[in-house]
Amino acid sequence: MSAATINPATGGPLGQDHYRELELANQRAKKVRKAANVAGFNGWVTAVFAVFSVPFALFSIAGFLVTVGLSVVAYNEFQGRQRLLRFDRTSTSLLGWNQIGFLTLIILYSLWMLFAGLTSGGPFAAELEAKPELRAALGEMDQFDYIYKILIVAVYGTVILLSAIFQGMNAVYYFTRRKHLEGYLRDTAKWVLDLQRTTTPA
């Protein structure tokens, strides 16, 4: 007789009531596991950005700090995912505050780039300083400088706005998963909780 035809009530240590309890626990855990999937996705996306930022880390302090920050954010996302799968009460707070930290990193970097862009002479300043004949040929550069600064404000202002929306929504999402996690822990028998913690893949 194949394993598929064994009656759960007689083919193992668990009876029908146990399987029913496991099924209900799995239903209650769905939102928690979905949050773990979100954390895994966010972790991989952030890790990819961290890898792509490594070349910039070699040439500037700002680039180095951004790479380190992205790496920390990615690590915390993966840690939060593992804790969620183990139904750890600290997982939602870790993930929520991690997103707030990520938002802070993005805002600080964008403000620094805004400051640098608005207080510098623009991308052509050094070239024009070295070649006065080029300035004479192009004429008045104030208009080009003005357009450049408008673009700087538009780009980094948009980055701050979109990050506030995306990271802010992620943080709220993670924090609100706490009630689902608490509900699962409250309503699930200890033997079921122990079983799911040991059998759920990391």
N, C-alpha and C. Protein backbone atom coordinates (compact mmCIF):
# COMPACT_ATOMS: atom_id res chain seq x y z
N MET A 1 0.85 -1.19 0.00
CA MET A 1 0.00 0.00 0.00
C MET A 1 0.88 1.24 0.00
N SER A 2 0.58 2.19 -0.89
CA SER A 2 1.39 3.40 -0.97
C SER A 2 1.08 4.32 0.18
N ALA A 3 2.02 5.28 0.42
CA ALA A 3 1.84 6.22 1.52
C ALA A 3 0.63 7.10 1.29
N ALA A 4 0.26 7.33 0.03
CA ALA A 4 -0.87 8.20 -0.26
C ALA A 4 -2.20 7.59 0.16
N THR A 5 -2.26 6.25 0.31
CA THR A 5 -3.53 5.61 0.66
C THR A 5 -3.65 5.30 2.14
N ILE A 6 -2.63 5.70 2.93
CA ILE A 6 -2.70 5.44 4.37
C ILE A 6 -3.70 6.38 5.02
N ASN A 7 -4.55 5.88 5.83
CA ASN A 7 -5.50 6.70 6.57
C ASN A 7 -4.75 7.46 7.65
N PRO A 8 -4.82 8.82 7.66
CA PRO A 8 -4.10 9.59 8.65
C PRO A 8 -4.45 9.20 10.08
N ALA A 9 -5.68 8.70 10.27
CA ALA A 9 -6.11 8.37 11.63
C ALA A 9 -5.43 7.11 12.15
N THR A 10 -4.99 6.24 11.23
CA THR A 10 -4.41 4.96 11.68
C THR A 10 -2.99 4.75 11.20
N GLY A 11 -2.53 5.59 10.24
CA GLY A 11 -1.22 5.37 9.65
C GLY A 11 -0.09 6.11 10.33
N GLY A 12 -0.33 6.80 11.43
CA GLY A 12 0.72 7.56 12.10
C GLY A 12 0.29 8.00 13.48
N PRO A 13 1.14 8.74 14.16
CA PRO A 13 0.83 9.15 15.53
C PRO A 13 -0.23 10.24 15.62
N LEU A 14 -0.55 10.89 14.50
CA LEU A 14 -1.53 11.97 14.52
C LEU A 14 -2.89 11.48 14.06
N GLY A 15 -3.91 11.94 14.77
CA GLY A 15 -5.28 11.59 14.39
C GLY A 15 -5.92 12.69 13.57
N GLN A 16 -7.20 12.51 13.22
CA GLN A 16 -7.92 13.48 12.42
C GLN A 16 -7.97 14.84 13.10
N ASP A 17 -8.14 14.88 14.41
CA ASP A 17 -8.20 16.15 15.14
C ASP A 17 -6.87 16.89 15.04
N HIS A 18 -5.77 16.14 15.08
CA HIS A 18 -4.47 16.77 14.96
C HIS A 18 -4.29 17.40 13.57
N TYR A 19 -4.69 16.67 12.54
CA TYR A 19 -4.55 17.20 11.19
C TYR A 19 -5.43 18.42 10.98
N ARG A 20 -6.60 18.39 11.59
CA ARG A 20 -7.49 19.55 11.50
C ARG A 20 -6.87 20.76 12.19
N GLU A 21 -6.26 20.53 13.32
CA GLU A 21 -5.62 21.62 14.04
C GLU A 21 -4.44 22.18 13.25
N LEU A 22 -3.69 21.29 12.61
CA LEU A 22 -2.59 21.74 11.76
C LEU A 22 -3.09 22.57 10.57
N GLU A 23 -4.19 22.15 9.99
CA GLU A 23 -4.77 22.87 8.85
C GLU A 23 -5.21 24.27 9.26
N LEU A 24 -5.86 24.37 10.42
CA LEU A 24 -6.30 25.67 10.91
C LEU A 24 -5.10 26.57 11.22
N ALA A 25 -4.06 25.99 11.80
CA ALA A 25 -2.86 26.77 12.11
C ALA A 25 -2.21 27.29 10.83
N ASN A 26 -2.19 26.46 9.79
CA ASN A 26 -1.63 26.90 8.52
C ASN A 26 -2.43 28.05 7.92
N GLN A 27 -3.74 28.00 8.09
CA GLN A 27 -4.59 29.10 7.62
C GLN A 27 -4.25 30.39 8.37
N ARG A 28 -4.09 30.28 9.70
CA ARG A 28 -3.77 31.47 10.50
C ARG A 28 -2.39 32.02 10.17
N ALA A 29 -1.49 31.16 9.72
CA ALA A 29 -0.10 31.58 9.47
C ALA A 29 0.10 32.18 8.09
N LYS A 30 -0.94 32.18 7.24
CA LYS A 30 -0.76 32.63 5.86
C LYS A 30 -0.25 34.06 5.76
N LYS A 31 -0.83 34.97 6.54
CA LYS A 31 -0.42 36.37 6.44
C LYS A 31 0.99 36.57 6.98
N VAL A 32 1.36 35.78 7.96
CA VAL A 32 2.72 35.87 8.49
C VAL A 32 3.72 35.38 7.44
N ARG A 33 3.40 34.28 6.79
CA ARG A 33 4.30 33.74 5.77
C ARG A 33 4.35 34.62 4.53
N LYS A 34 3.23 35.28 4.23
CA LYS A 34 3.24 36.22 3.11
C LYS A 34 4.18 37.38 3.42
N ALA A 35 4.17 37.85 4.66
CA ALA A 35 5.10 38.92 5.06
C ALA A 35 6.54 38.45 4.94
N ALA A 36 6.78 37.18 5.25
CA ALA A 36 8.13 36.62 5.10
C ALA A 36 8.56 36.63 3.63
N ASN A 37 7.63 36.35 2.73
CA ASN A 37 7.93 36.40 1.29
C ASN A 37 8.26 37.83 0.85
N VAL A 38 7.52 38.80 1.39
CA VAL A 38 7.79 40.20 1.08
C VAL A 38 9.18 40.59 1.56
N ALA A 39 9.53 40.16 2.77
CA ALA A 39 10.85 40.46 3.32
C ALA A 39 11.96 39.82 2.47
N GLY A 40 11.71 38.60 2.00
CA GLY A 40 12.69 37.95 1.13
C GLY A 40 12.89 38.71 -0.17
N PHE A 41 11.78 39.16 -0.77
CA PHE A 41 11.87 39.93 -2.02
C PHE A 41 12.63 41.24 -1.78
N ASN A 42 12.25 41.96 -0.72
CA ASN A 42 12.92 43.22 -0.42
C ASN A 42 14.42 43.01 -0.14
N GLY A 43 14.72 41.91 0.55
CA GLY A 43 16.11 41.61 0.85
C GLY A 43 16.94 41.39 -0.40
N TRP A 44 16.41 40.62 -1.35
CA TRP A 44 17.16 40.35 -2.57
C TRP A 44 17.31 41.60 -3.43
N VAL A 45 16.25 42.40 -3.53
CA VAL A 45 16.34 43.64 -4.32
C VAL A 45 17.39 44.58 -3.73
N THR A 46 17.36 44.73 -2.40
CA THR A 46 18.33 45.61 -1.74
C THR A 46 19.75 45.06 -1.88
N ALA A 47 19.89 43.75 -1.80
CA ALA A 47 21.22 43.14 -1.95
C ALA A 47 21.77 43.40 -3.34
N VAL A 48 20.93 43.34 -4.36
CA VAL A 48 21.38 43.62 -5.74
C VAL A 48 21.87 45.06 -5.84
N PHE A 49 21.10 46.01 -5.26
CA PHE A 49 21.54 47.41 -5.27
C PHE A 49 22.87 47.58 -4.53
N ALA A 50 23.02 46.83 -3.43
CA ALA A 50 24.27 46.90 -2.67
C ALA A 50 25.45 46.44 -3.53
N VAL A 51 25.26 45.37 -4.28
CA VAL A 51 26.33 44.86 -5.15
C VAL A 51 26.67 45.88 -6.23
N PHE A 52 25.64 46.48 -6.84
CA PHE A 52 25.89 47.46 -7.90
C PHE A 52 26.55 48.73 -7.37
N SER A 53 26.39 49.00 -6.08
CA SER A 53 26.97 50.22 -5.51
C SER A 53 28.42 50.05 -5.09
N VAL A 54 28.92 48.80 -5.11
CA VAL A 54 30.29 48.53 -4.66
C VAL A 54 31.33 49.35 -5.42
N PRO A 55 31.25 49.48 -6.77
CA PRO A 55 32.26 50.29 -7.47
C PRO A 55 32.34 51.73 -6.97
N PHE A 56 31.17 52.31 -6.61
CA PHE A 56 31.17 53.69 -6.12
C PHE A 56 31.81 53.79 -4.74
N ALA A 57 31.74 52.69 -3.97
CA ALA A 57 32.32 52.69 -2.62
C ALA A 57 33.84 52.81 -2.66
N LEU A 58 34.42 52.48 -3.81
CA LEU A 58 35.88 52.52 -3.92
C LEU A 58 36.42 53.92 -4.14
N PHE A 59 35.54 54.87 -4.49
CA PHE A 59 36.03 56.19 -4.90
C PHE A 59 35.49 57.34 -4.06
N SER A 60 34.56 57.07 -3.14
CA SER A 60 34.05 58.17 -2.32
C SER A 60 33.53 57.64 -0.99
N ILE A 61 33.60 58.51 0.01
CA ILE A 61 33.09 58.14 1.34
C ILE A 61 31.57 57.95 1.28
N ALA A 62 30.89 58.84 0.54
CA ALA A 62 29.44 58.72 0.41
C ALA A 62 29.06 57.39 -0.22
N GLY A 63 29.79 56.99 -1.27
CA GLY A 63 29.52 55.71 -1.93
C GLY A 63 29.76 54.54 -1.00
N PHE A 64 30.82 54.64 -0.19
CA PHE A 64 31.11 53.58 0.78
C PHE A 64 29.99 53.45 1.81
N LEU A 65 29.54 54.59 2.33
CA LEU A 65 28.48 54.57 3.35
C LEU A 65 27.17 54.03 2.78
N VAL A 66 26.89 54.38 1.53
CA VAL A 66 25.67 53.87 0.89
C VAL A 66 25.75 52.35 0.73
N THR A 67 26.90 51.85 0.30
CA THR A 67 27.06 50.40 0.14
C THR A 67 26.89 49.68 1.46
N VAL A 68 27.52 50.21 2.51
CA VAL A 68 27.40 49.60 3.83
C VAL A 68 25.94 49.65 4.29
N GLY A 69 25.29 50.79 4.10
CA GLY A 69 23.89 50.93 4.51
C GLY A 69 22.98 49.95 3.80
N LEU A 70 23.14 49.83 2.49
CA LEU A 70 22.33 48.89 1.72
C LEU A 70 22.57 47.45 2.17
N SER A 71 23.82 47.13 2.47
CA SER A 71 24.15 45.78 2.93
C SER A 71 23.48 45.47 4.26
N VAL A 72 23.47 46.45 5.15
CA VAL A 72 22.83 46.27 6.46
C VAL A 72 21.32 46.09 6.29
N VAL A 73 20.72 46.89 5.43
CA VAL A 73 19.28 46.79 5.19
C VAL A 73 18.93 45.40 4.63
N ALA A 74 19.72 44.93 3.65
CA ALA A 74 19.46 43.62 3.07
C ALA A 74 19.61 42.52 4.11
N TYR A 75 20.65 42.61 4.92
CA TYR A 75 20.87 41.61 5.98
C TYR A 75 19.69 41.57 6.95
N ASN A 76 19.21 42.74 7.36
CA ASN A 76 18.08 42.79 8.30
C ASN A 76 16.80 42.24 7.69
N GLU A 77 16.62 42.44 6.38
CA GLU A 77 15.43 41.88 5.72
C GLU A 77 15.47 40.35 5.76
N PHE A 78 16.64 39.78 5.48
CA PHE A 78 16.76 38.32 5.52
C PHE A 78 16.61 37.79 6.95
N GLN A 79 17.17 38.53 7.91
CA GLN A 79 17.01 38.13 9.31
C GLN A 79 15.55 38.20 9.73
N GLY A 80 14.87 39.26 9.32
CA GLY A 80 13.46 39.40 9.65
C GLY A 80 12.62 38.30 9.03
N ARG A 81 12.97 37.92 7.80
CA ARG A 81 12.26 36.82 7.14
C ARG A 81 12.39 35.53 7.94
N GLN A 82 13.62 35.20 8.35
CA GLN A 82 13.84 33.97 9.12
C GLN A 82 13.08 34.01 10.44
N ARG A 83 13.07 35.16 11.08
CA ARG A 83 12.36 35.27 12.36
C ARG A 83 10.85 35.14 12.17
N LEU A 84 10.33 35.69 11.07
CA LEU A 84 8.91 35.53 10.79
C LEU A 84 8.54 34.07 10.60
N LEU A 85 9.37 33.34 9.87
CA LEU A 85 9.10 31.92 9.63
C LEU A 85 9.19 31.10 10.91
N ARG A 86 9.88 31.64 11.91
CA ARG A 86 9.93 30.97 13.22
C ARG A 86 8.91 31.57 14.19
N PHE A 87 8.10 32.50 13.68
CA PHE A 87 7.05 33.15 14.48
C PHE A 87 7.64 33.85 15.70
N ASP A 88 8.72 34.57 15.46
CA ASP A 88 9.40 35.34 16.51
C ASP A 88 8.71 36.71 16.64
N ARG A 89 8.34 37.08 17.85
CA ARG A 89 7.63 38.35 18.08
C ARG A 89 8.46 39.57 17.68
N THR A 90 9.78 39.45 17.68
CA THR A 90 10.62 40.60 17.36
C THR A 90 10.74 40.85 15.86
N SER A 91 10.25 39.94 15.05
CA SER A 91 10.48 40.02 13.60
C SER A 91 9.83 41.24 12.96
N THR A 92 8.57 41.53 13.33
CA THR A 92 7.87 42.63 12.67
C THR A 92 8.49 43.98 13.02
N SER A 93 8.94 44.13 14.27
CA SER A 93 9.59 45.39 14.67
C SER A 93 10.92 45.56 13.94
N LEU A 94 11.69 44.47 13.84
CA LEU A 94 12.96 44.53 13.12
C LEU A 94 12.74 44.99 11.69
N LEU A 95 11.77 44.39 11.01
CA LEU A 95 11.52 44.71 9.60
C LEU A 95 10.97 46.12 9.44
N GLY A 96 10.06 46.52 10.32
CA GLY A 96 9.48 47.85 10.22
C GLY A 96 10.52 48.94 10.42
N TRP A 97 11.32 48.82 11.47
CA TRP A 97 12.35 49.81 11.73
C TRP A 97 13.46 49.75 10.69
N ASN A 98 13.67 48.60 10.10
CA ASN A 98 14.66 48.48 9.03
C ASN A 98 14.26 49.33 7.83
N GLN A 99 12.98 49.33 7.51
CA GLN A 99 12.50 50.15 6.40
C GLN A 99 12.60 51.64 6.72
N ILE A 100 12.36 52.00 7.97
CA ILE A 100 12.51 53.39 8.37
C ILE A 100 13.98 53.80 8.28
N GLY A 101 14.87 52.90 8.70
CA GLY A 101 16.29 53.17 8.56
C GLY A 101 16.70 53.32 7.10
N PHE A 102 16.13 52.47 6.24
CA PHE A 102 16.40 52.55 4.80
C PHE A 102 15.94 53.89 4.24
N LEU A 103 14.75 54.34 4.66
CA LEU A 103 14.23 55.62 4.21
C LEU A 103 15.15 56.75 4.68
N THR A 104 15.62 56.68 5.91
CA THR A 104 16.53 57.70 6.43
C THR A 104 17.82 57.75 5.61
N LEU A 105 18.35 56.58 5.26
CA LEU A 105 19.56 56.51 4.44
C LEU A 105 19.34 57.19 3.09
N ILE A 106 18.21 56.90 2.45
CA ILE A 106 17.91 57.47 1.13
C ILE A 106 17.77 58.98 1.23
N ILE A 107 17.07 59.46 2.26
CA ILE A 107 16.86 60.90 2.42
C ILE A 107 18.19 61.62 2.66
N LEU A 108 19.02 61.07 3.54
CA LEU A 108 20.31 61.70 3.82
C LEU A 108 21.19 61.75 2.58
N TYR A 109 21.20 60.65 1.82
CA TYR A 109 22.01 60.62 0.60
C TYR A 109 21.48 61.64 -0.42
N SER A 110 20.16 61.70 -0.57
CA SER A 110 19.56 62.63 -1.53
C SER A 110 19.83 64.08 -1.12
N LEU A 111 19.72 64.39 0.16
CA LEU A 111 20.00 65.74 0.64
C LEU A 111 21.46 66.12 0.41
N TRP A 112 22.35 65.16 0.63
CA TRP A 112 23.77 65.42 0.38
C TRP A 112 24.02 65.71 -1.10
N MET A 113 23.39 64.92 -1.98
CA MET A 113 23.56 65.14 -3.41
C MET A 113 22.93 66.46 -3.84
N LEU A 114 21.82 66.84 -3.22
CA LEU A 114 21.20 68.14 -3.49
C LEU A 114 22.14 69.27 -3.08
N PHE A 115 22.69 69.15 -1.90
CA PHE A 115 23.62 70.17 -1.40
C PHE A 115 24.83 70.30 -2.32
N ALA A 116 25.39 69.16 -2.68
CA ALA A 116 26.56 69.17 -3.55
C ALA A 116 26.24 69.76 -4.92
N GLY A 117 25.07 69.40 -5.45
CA GLY A 117 24.70 69.88 -6.77
C GLY A 117 24.36 71.36 -6.80
N LEU A 118 23.72 71.85 -5.75
CA LEU A 118 23.28 73.25 -5.74
C LEU A 118 24.39 74.22 -5.35
N THR A 119 25.39 73.72 -4.64
CA THR A 119 26.47 74.61 -4.20
C THR A 119 27.69 74.54 -5.10
N SER A 120 27.70 73.61 -6.03
CA SER A 120 28.83 73.51 -6.96
C SER A 120 28.56 74.38 -8.18
N GLY A 121 29.56 74.47 -9.03
CA GLY A 121 29.41 75.29 -10.22
C GLY A 121 28.75 74.57 -11.38
N GLY A 122 28.30 73.36 -11.17
CA GLY A 122 27.69 72.61 -12.25
C GLY A 122 28.69 71.73 -12.95
N PRO A 123 28.23 70.84 -13.82
CA PRO A 123 29.13 69.86 -14.44
C PRO A 123 30.12 70.47 -15.43
N PHE A 124 29.83 71.70 -15.91
CA PHE A 124 30.71 72.29 -16.94
C PHE A 124 31.63 73.36 -16.36
N ALA A 125 31.52 73.61 -15.05
CA ALA A 125 32.26 74.73 -14.47
C ALA A 125 33.77 74.56 -14.62
N ALA A 126 34.27 73.39 -14.28
CA ALA A 126 35.72 73.16 -14.35
C ALA A 126 36.22 73.26 -15.79
N GLU A 127 35.45 72.74 -16.72
CA GLU A 127 35.85 72.77 -18.13
C GLU A 127 35.90 74.21 -18.64
N LEU A 128 34.90 75.01 -18.27
CA LEU A 128 34.86 76.39 -18.71
C LEU A 128 35.95 77.23 -18.06
N GLU A 129 36.27 76.87 -16.81
CA GLU A 129 37.33 77.59 -16.11
C GLU A 129 38.68 77.35 -16.78
N ALA A 130 38.87 76.14 -17.25
CA ALA A 130 40.14 75.79 -17.89
C ALA A 130 40.22 76.29 -19.34
N LYS A 131 39.07 76.50 -19.97
CA LYS A 131 39.04 76.90 -21.38
C LYS A 131 38.16 78.13 -21.56
N PRO A 132 38.68 79.31 -21.32
CA PRO A 132 37.89 80.54 -21.46
C PRO A 132 37.31 80.71 -22.87
N GLU A 133 38.03 80.19 -23.88
CA GLU A 133 37.53 80.34 -25.25
C GLU A 133 36.22 79.58 -25.45
N LEU A 134 36.05 78.48 -24.68
CA LEU A 134 34.81 77.72 -24.76
C LEU A 134 33.66 78.52 -24.20
N ARG A 135 33.92 79.25 -23.10
CA ARG A 135 32.88 80.11 -22.52
C ARG A 135 32.49 81.20 -23.51
N ALA A 136 33.48 81.77 -24.18
CA ALA A 136 33.20 82.82 -25.15
C ALA A 136 32.35 82.29 -26.30
N ALA A 137 32.62 81.03 -26.69
CA ALA A 137 31.87 80.45 -27.80
C ALA A 137 30.44 80.13 -27.41
N LEU A 138 30.26 79.66 -26.19
CA LEU A 138 28.92 79.26 -25.74
C LEU A 138 28.08 80.43 -25.25
N GLY A 139 28.78 81.50 -24.86
CA GLY A 139 28.06 82.66 -24.36
C GLY A 139 27.69 82.51 -22.90
N GLU A 140 26.62 83.13 -22.49
CA GLU A 140 26.20 83.14 -21.10
C GLU A 140 25.77 81.74 -20.64
N MET A 141 26.38 81.28 -19.50
CA MET A 141 26.11 79.92 -19.02
C MET A 141 25.13 79.89 -17.86
N ASP A 142 24.66 81.05 -17.42
CA ASP A 142 23.76 81.08 -16.26
C ASP A 142 22.50 80.27 -16.51
N GLN A 143 21.99 80.32 -17.74
CA GLN A 143 20.76 79.58 -18.06
C GLN A 143 21.00 78.08 -17.97
N PHE A 144 22.14 77.61 -18.46
CA PHE A 144 22.46 76.19 -18.38
C PHE A 144 22.62 75.75 -16.92
N ASP A 145 23.25 76.62 -16.13
CA ASP A 145 23.45 76.31 -14.72
C ASP A 145 22.10 76.24 -14.00
N TYR A 146 21.19 77.12 -14.36
CA TYR A 146 19.86 77.14 -13.74
C TYR A 146 19.10 75.86 -14.08
N ILE A 147 19.15 75.45 -15.34
CA ILE A 147 18.46 74.23 -15.76
C ILE A 147 19.05 73.01 -15.06
N TYR A 148 20.38 73.00 -14.94
CA TYR A 148 21.05 71.88 -14.26
C TYR A 148 20.57 71.76 -12.81
N LYS A 149 20.47 72.87 -12.12
CA LYS A 149 20.05 72.84 -10.72
C LYS A 149 18.58 72.46 -10.57
N ILE A 150 17.76 72.89 -11.52
CA ILE A 150 16.36 72.48 -11.51
C ILE A 150 16.25 70.97 -11.68
N LEU A 151 17.07 70.39 -12.55
CA LEU A 151 17.07 68.94 -12.75
C LEU A 151 17.52 68.21 -11.49
N ILE A 152 18.54 68.75 -10.83
CA ILE A 152 19.02 68.15 -9.59
C ILE A 152 17.91 68.10 -8.55
N VAL A 153 17.22 69.21 -8.39
CA VAL A 153 16.12 69.27 -7.41
C VAL A 153 15.00 68.31 -7.80
N ALA A 154 14.67 68.25 -9.09
CA ALA A 154 13.59 67.38 -9.55
C ALA A 154 13.92 65.92 -9.33
N VAL A 155 15.16 65.53 -9.67
CA VAL A 155 15.55 64.12 -9.56
C VAL A 155 15.56 63.67 -8.10
N TYR A 156 16.28 64.39 -7.25
CA TYR A 156 16.41 63.93 -5.87
C TYR A 156 15.16 64.22 -5.04
N GLY A 157 14.40 65.23 -5.43
CA GLY A 157 13.11 65.44 -4.78
C GLY A 157 12.17 64.29 -5.07
N THR A 158 12.19 63.79 -6.31
CA THR A 158 11.35 62.65 -6.69
C THR A 158 11.80 61.39 -5.95
N VAL A 159 13.12 61.21 -5.84
CA VAL A 159 13.64 60.05 -5.12
C VAL A 159 13.16 60.06 -3.67
N ILE A 160 13.23 61.22 -3.02
CA ILE A 160 12.78 61.33 -1.62
C ILE A 160 11.29 61.04 -1.51
N LEU A 161 10.50 61.60 -2.42
CA LEU A 161 9.04 61.41 -2.38
C LEU A 161 8.67 59.95 -2.58
N LEU A 162 9.22 59.32 -3.62
CA LEU A 162 8.89 57.93 -3.90
C LEU A 162 9.37 57.00 -2.80
N SER A 163 10.52 57.30 -2.23
CA SER A 163 11.04 56.48 -1.13
C SER A 163 10.17 56.61 0.11
N ALA A 164 9.71 57.83 0.37
CA ALA A 164 8.83 58.04 1.52
C ALA A 164 7.55 57.22 1.38
N ILE A 165 7.05 57.14 0.14
CA ILE A 165 5.83 56.36 -0.10
C ILE A 165 6.13 54.86 0.00
N PHE A 166 7.15 54.40 -0.72
CA PHE A 166 7.41 52.96 -0.79
C PHE A 166 7.92 52.41 0.54
N GLN A 167 8.99 53.02 1.06
CA GLN A 167 9.53 52.52 2.33
C GLN A 167 8.56 52.76 3.49
N GLY A 168 7.82 53.87 3.41
CA GLY A 168 6.83 54.13 4.44
C GLY A 168 5.73 53.08 4.45
N MET A 169 5.24 52.72 3.25
CA MET A 169 4.21 51.68 3.17
C MET A 169 4.74 50.33 3.61
N ASN A 170 6.00 50.05 3.26
CA ASN A 170 6.60 48.79 3.70
C ASN A 170 6.69 48.73 5.22
N ALA A 171 7.10 49.85 5.84
CA ALA A 171 7.21 49.89 7.29
C ALA A 171 5.84 49.67 7.95
N VAL A 172 4.83 50.36 7.44
CA VAL A 172 3.47 50.19 7.98
C VAL A 172 3.01 48.75 7.81
N TYR A 173 3.29 48.18 6.64
CA TYR A 173 2.90 46.79 6.39
C TYR A 173 3.53 45.85 7.42
N TYR A 174 4.83 46.00 7.63
CA TYR A 174 5.51 45.12 8.58
C TYR A 174 4.98 45.32 10.01
N PHE A 175 4.80 46.56 10.42
CA PHE A 175 4.32 46.81 11.78
C PHE A 175 2.92 46.23 11.99
N THR A 176 2.08 46.31 10.96
CA THR A 176 0.71 45.79 11.11
C THR A 176 0.64 44.27 11.06
N ARG A 177 1.73 43.62 10.65
CA ARG A 177 1.75 42.14 10.69
C ARG A 177 1.84 41.64 12.13
N ARG A 178 2.16 42.52 13.06
CA ARG A 178 2.33 42.12 14.46
C ARG A 178 1.04 41.50 15.00
N LYS A 179 -0.09 42.10 14.65
CA LYS A 179 -1.35 41.58 15.19
C LYS A 179 -1.64 40.18 14.66
N HIS A 180 -1.28 39.92 13.42
CA HIS A 180 -1.49 38.59 12.85
C HIS A 180 -0.56 37.57 13.51
N LEU A 181 0.68 37.99 13.77
CA LEU A 181 1.63 37.11 14.44
C LEU A 181 1.17 36.82 15.87
N GLU A 182 0.72 37.84 16.57
CA GLU A 182 0.24 37.65 17.94
C GLU A 182 -0.99 36.76 17.97
N GLY A 183 -1.88 36.94 16.98
CA GLY A 183 -3.07 36.10 16.90
C GLY A 183 -2.72 34.64 16.66
N TYR A 184 -1.73 34.43 15.80
CA TYR A 184 -1.29 33.05 15.55
C TYR A 184 -0.72 32.43 16.81
N LEU A 185 0.15 33.15 17.49
CA LEU A 185 0.77 32.62 18.71
C LEU A 185 -0.26 32.39 19.81
N ARG A 186 -1.26 33.22 19.86
CA ARG A 186 -2.28 33.09 20.90
C ARG A 186 -3.20 31.89 20.65
N ASP A 187 -3.54 31.64 19.40
CA ASP A 187 -4.56 30.64 19.09
C ASP A 187 -3.99 29.29 18.67
N THR A 188 -2.69 29.15 18.62
CA THR A 188 -2.08 27.91 18.13
C THR A 188 -1.50 27.11 19.29
N ALA A 189 -1.80 25.82 19.28
CA ALA A 189 -1.27 24.93 20.33
C ALA A 189 0.25 24.88 20.26
N LYS A 190 0.87 24.70 21.40
CA LYS A 190 2.33 24.71 21.46
C LYS A 190 2.95 23.62 20.59
N TRP A 191 2.34 22.43 20.57
CA TRP A 191 2.92 21.34 19.79
C TRP A 191 2.88 21.66 18.30
N VAL A 192 1.82 22.36 17.87
CA VAL A 192 1.73 22.77 16.46
C VAL A 192 2.78 23.83 16.16
N LEU A 193 2.91 24.79 17.07
CA LEU A 193 3.90 25.85 16.89
C LEU A 193 5.31 25.27 16.80
N ASP A 194 5.63 24.34 17.69
CA ASP A 194 6.96 23.72 17.67
C ASP A 194 7.18 22.96 16.37
N LEU A 195 6.14 22.27 15.91
CA LEU A 195 6.25 21.50 14.67
C LEU A 195 6.50 22.41 13.48
N GLN A 196 5.74 23.50 13.40
CA GLN A 196 5.89 24.40 12.27
C GLN A 196 7.23 25.14 12.29
N ARG A 197 7.70 25.44 13.48
CA ARG A 197 9.00 26.12 13.58
C ARG A 197 10.14 25.22 13.09
N THR A 198 10.00 23.93 13.33
CA THR A 198 11.08 23.00 12.96
C THR A 198 10.97 22.47 11.55
N THR A 199 9.78 22.54 10.96
CA THR A 199 9.59 21.97 9.62
C THR A 199 9.53 23.03 8.53
N THR A 200 9.37 24.31 8.89
CA THR A 200 9.31 25.36 7.88
C THR A 200 10.70 25.65 7.36
N PRO A 201 10.91 25.56 6.04
CA PRO A 201 12.26 25.84 5.49
C PRO A 201 12.63 27.29 5.67
N ALA A 202 13.91 27.55 5.94
CA ALA A 202 14.39 28.92 6.14
C ALA A 202 14.55 29.62 4.80
